[in-house]
Amino acid sequence: MCPAEQNGAPGLVDRLSAILDAFDDAHRRIALSELARRAGLPKSTVHRLVGDLVRHGLLERRDGRLQLGIRIFELGELVPRRRDLVDAALPHLSDLRAATGHTVHLAVMDDREVVYLHVLPGSASGILPSRTGGRMPAHATGVGKAQLAFSPQRPCNGWSRAR
């Protein structure tokens, strides 16, 4: 272990994760200085790591800013849980959308949030903030509330539902 890691400094994977996590719906293209600020890392470190990430297609440069690269998408499409669930659920999602005309979501719980694996837009629905690959607090979404209602009961911050 290097001396920096022994002192509690973030390791390489922590730094790379911080850089990739700096991107979100509101920050799809980020200048290097802003990326360093959002990642909480020194600009020189971000500059060095971004070069490697660009070289491997995980980030792309466009108009002087950085954005997630196509390689991220390619890797994301290989996630087995997503592929298996979407393949199994798609006929049922399509039937539900056809019957209701509304947008239909397929999502999984990740801690206290839902991650949308697939979204089928409906003709009767307005514009929704959900998107495939998006993440939202479970308590703030219909699909999250349904999953919370039927999940095993467990204490949460010292509180549990009455049995």
Protein backbone atom coordinates (compact mmCIF):
# COMPACT_ATOMS: atom_id res chain seq x y z
CA MET A 1 0.00 0.00 0.00
CA CYS A 2 1.41 3.41 -0.89
CA PRO A 3 1.91 6.03 1.88
CA ALA A 4 -0.98 8.19 0.60
CA GLU A 5 -3.42 5.27 0.92
CA GLN A 6 -2.19 4.49 4.44
CA ASN A 7 -3.06 8.07 5.47
CA GLY A 8 -6.66 7.65 4.33
CA ALA A 9 -6.12 9.34 0.95
CA PRO A 10 -8.34 7.94 -1.82
CA GLY A 11 -6.94 5.13 -3.95
CA LEU A 12 -6.99 5.05 -7.74
CA VAL A 13 -10.43 3.47 -8.02
CA ASP A 14 -11.83 6.02 -5.54
CA ARG A 15 -10.42 8.88 -7.63
CA LEU A 16 -11.70 7.42 -10.91
CA SER A 17 -15.11 6.85 -9.37
CA ALA A 18 -15.20 10.44 -8.09
CA ILE A 19 -14.45 11.71 -11.59
CA LEU A 20 -17.15 9.58 -13.24
CA ASP A 21 -19.66 10.34 -10.46
CA ALA A 22 -19.22 14.08 -11.12
CA PHE A 23 -21.39 13.65 -14.22
CA ASP A 24 -25.17 13.73 -13.80
CA ASP A 25 -28.28 14.98 -15.62
CA ALA A 26 -27.43 18.61 -14.86
CA HIS A 27 -23.72 18.19 -15.63
CA ARG A 28 -23.38 16.15 -18.81
CA ARG A 29 -20.47 18.19 -20.18
CA ILE A 30 -17.95 19.60 -17.72
CA ALA A 31 -14.80 21.70 -18.05
CA LEU A 32 -11.69 20.23 -16.42
CA SER A 33 -11.61 22.77 -13.56
CA GLU A 34 -15.26 22.17 -12.74
CA LEU A 35 -14.70 18.41 -12.95
CA ALA A 36 -11.87 18.68 -10.41
CA ARG A 37 -14.08 20.76 -8.10
CA ARG A 38 -17.05 18.39 -8.38
CA ALA A 39 -14.82 15.34 -7.85
CA GLY A 40 -13.05 16.95 -4.88
CA LEU A 41 -9.64 16.19 -6.36
CA PRO A 42 -6.61 18.31 -7.30
CA LYS A 43 -6.76 19.64 -10.84
CA SER A 44 -3.39 18.05 -11.70
CA THR A 45 -4.67 14.62 -10.61
CA VAL A 46 -7.87 15.02 -12.63
CA HIS A 47 -5.90 16.20 -15.66
CA ARG A 48 -3.67 13.10 -15.54
CA LEU A 49 -6.53 10.65 -14.98
CA VAL A 50 -8.75 12.28 -17.61
CA GLY A 51 -6.03 11.68 -20.19
CA ASP A 52 -6.14 7.97 -19.41
CA LEU A 53 -9.95 7.89 -19.39
CA VAL A 54 -10.11 9.67 -22.77
CA ARG A 55 -7.51 7.32 -24.24
CA HIS A 56 -9.66 4.34 -23.21
CA GLY A 57 -12.94 5.87 -24.48
CA LEU A 58 -14.50 6.24 -21.02
CA LEU A 59 -14.52 10.04 -21.42
CA GLU A 60 -14.60 12.20 -24.55
CA ARG A 61 -13.52 15.78 -25.19
CA ARG A 62 -16.02 18.00 -26.99
CA ASP A 63 -15.77 21.76 -27.43
CA GLY A 64 -13.25 22.09 -24.60
CA ARG A 65 -15.39 20.12 -22.17
CA LEU A 66 -15.52 16.51 -21.07
CA GLN A 67 -18.41 14.10 -21.33
CA LEU A 68 -18.93 10.41 -20.70
CA GLY A 69 -17.58 8.28 -23.54
CA ILE A 70 -19.24 5.65 -25.67
CA ARG A 71 -17.27 2.92 -23.89
CA ILE A 72 -19.27 3.63 -20.70
CA PHE A 73 -22.46 2.91 -22.66
CA GLU A 74 -20.99 -0.28 -24.14
CA LEU A 75 -20.02 -1.57 -20.71
CA GLY A 76 -23.37 -0.59 -19.20
CA GLU A 77 -25.19 -2.62 -21.82
CA LEU A 78 -23.34 -5.71 -20.60
CA VAL A 79 -24.66 -5.55 -17.04
CA PRO A 80 -26.39 -8.94 -16.62
CA ARG A 81 -29.07 -7.85 -14.15
CA ARG A 82 -30.29 -5.18 -16.56
CA ARG A 83 -30.32 -7.40 -19.64
CA ASP A 84 -32.00 -10.34 -17.95
CA LEU A 85 -34.74 -8.28 -16.30
CA VAL A 86 -35.46 -6.15 -19.35
CA ASP A 87 -35.65 -9.19 -21.62
CA ALA A 88 -38.05 -10.95 -19.24
CA ALA A 89 -40.21 -7.89 -18.51
CA LEU A 90 -40.42 -6.20 -21.91
CA PRO A 91 -43.49 -8.07 -23.21
CA HIS A 92 -45.38 -7.25 -19.99
CA LEU A 93 -44.22 -3.62 -20.00
CA SER A 94 -45.37 -3.26 -23.61
CA ASP A 95 -48.79 -4.75 -22.80
CA LEU A 96 -49.20 -2.42 -19.82
CA ARG A 97 -48.28 0.63 -21.88
CA ALA A 98 -50.68 -0.41 -24.65
CA ALA A 99 -53.50 -0.89 -22.14
CA THR A 100 -52.97 2.40 -20.30
CA GLY A 101 -51.27 4.73 -22.76
CA HIS A 102 -49.00 5.84 -19.92
CA THR A 103 -45.25 5.64 -19.44
CA VAL A 104 -44.14 2.33 -17.91
CA HIS A 105 -41.00 1.97 -15.81
CA LEU A 106 -38.83 -0.99 -14.88
CA ALA A 107 -36.57 -0.19 -11.93
CA VAL A 108 -34.57 -1.94 -9.22
CA MET A 109 -33.80 -0.80 -5.70
CA ASP A 110 -30.26 0.26 -4.90
CA ASP A 111 -30.12 1.11 -1.19
CA ARG A 112 -32.77 3.85 -0.80
CA GLU A 113 -32.97 4.75 -4.47
CA VAL A 114 -34.40 3.22 -7.62
CA VAL A 115 -32.35 2.81 -10.78
CA TYR A 116 -34.40 2.77 -13.98
CA LEU A 117 -33.48 -0.19 -16.17
CA HIS A 118 -36.01 0.59 -18.90
CA VAL A 119 -38.55 3.31 -19.60
CA LEU A 120 -41.28 2.96 -22.22
CA PRO A 121 -42.79 6.41 -22.87
CA GLY A 122 -46.55 6.53 -23.22
CA SER A 123 -48.66 8.74 -25.44
CA ALA A 124 -50.88 9.85 -22.54
CA SER A 125 -48.00 10.84 -20.26
CA GLY A 126 -46.40 14.21 -19.99
CA ILE A 127 -42.66 14.79 -19.70
CA LEU A 128 -41.24 12.82 -16.78
CA PRO A 129 -37.83 13.18 -15.09
CA SER A 130 -37.18 9.44 -15.28
CA ARG A 131 -34.75 8.02 -17.84
CA THR A 132 -33.10 4.69 -18.47
CA GLY A 133 -30.04 4.58 -16.27
CA GLY A 134 -31.39 7.38 -14.07
CA ARG A 135 -31.58 7.21 -10.31
CA MET A 136 -34.14 8.76 -7.95
CA PRO A 137 -35.03 8.45 -4.25
CA ALA A 138 -37.37 5.48 -3.86
CA HIS A 139 -39.85 7.41 -1.70
CA ALA A 140 -40.28 10.01 -4.46
CA THR A 141 -41.34 7.65 -7.25
CA GLY A 142 -44.31 5.40 -7.89
CA VAL A 143 -42.15 2.40 -8.72
CA GLY A 144 -40.07 3.03 -5.61
CA LYS A 145 -43.12 3.31 -3.36
CA ALA A 146 -44.46 0.03 -4.74
CA GLN A 147 -41.15 -1.70 -4.08
CA LEU A 148 -40.88 -0.23 -0.58
CA ALA A 149 -44.45 -1.30 0.23
CA PHE A 150 -43.76 -4.92 -0.67
CA SER A 151 -40.17 -5.21 0.52
CA PRO A 152 -39.24 -7.09 3.70
CA GLN A 153 -39.71 -4.97 6.79
CA ARG A 154 -36.47 -3.78 8.34
CA PRO A 155 -35.48 -0.99 10.69
CA CYS A 156 -34.40 2.22 9.00
CA ASN A 157 -32.60 4.81 11.13
CA GLY A 158 -33.99 3.28 14.31
CA TRP A 159 -37.58 3.27 13.02
CA SER A 160 -39.56 0.35 11.72
CA ARG A 161 -43.10 -0.09 10.47
CA ALA A 162 -45.64 -1.57 12.88
CA ARG A 163 -46.15 -5.26 12.27
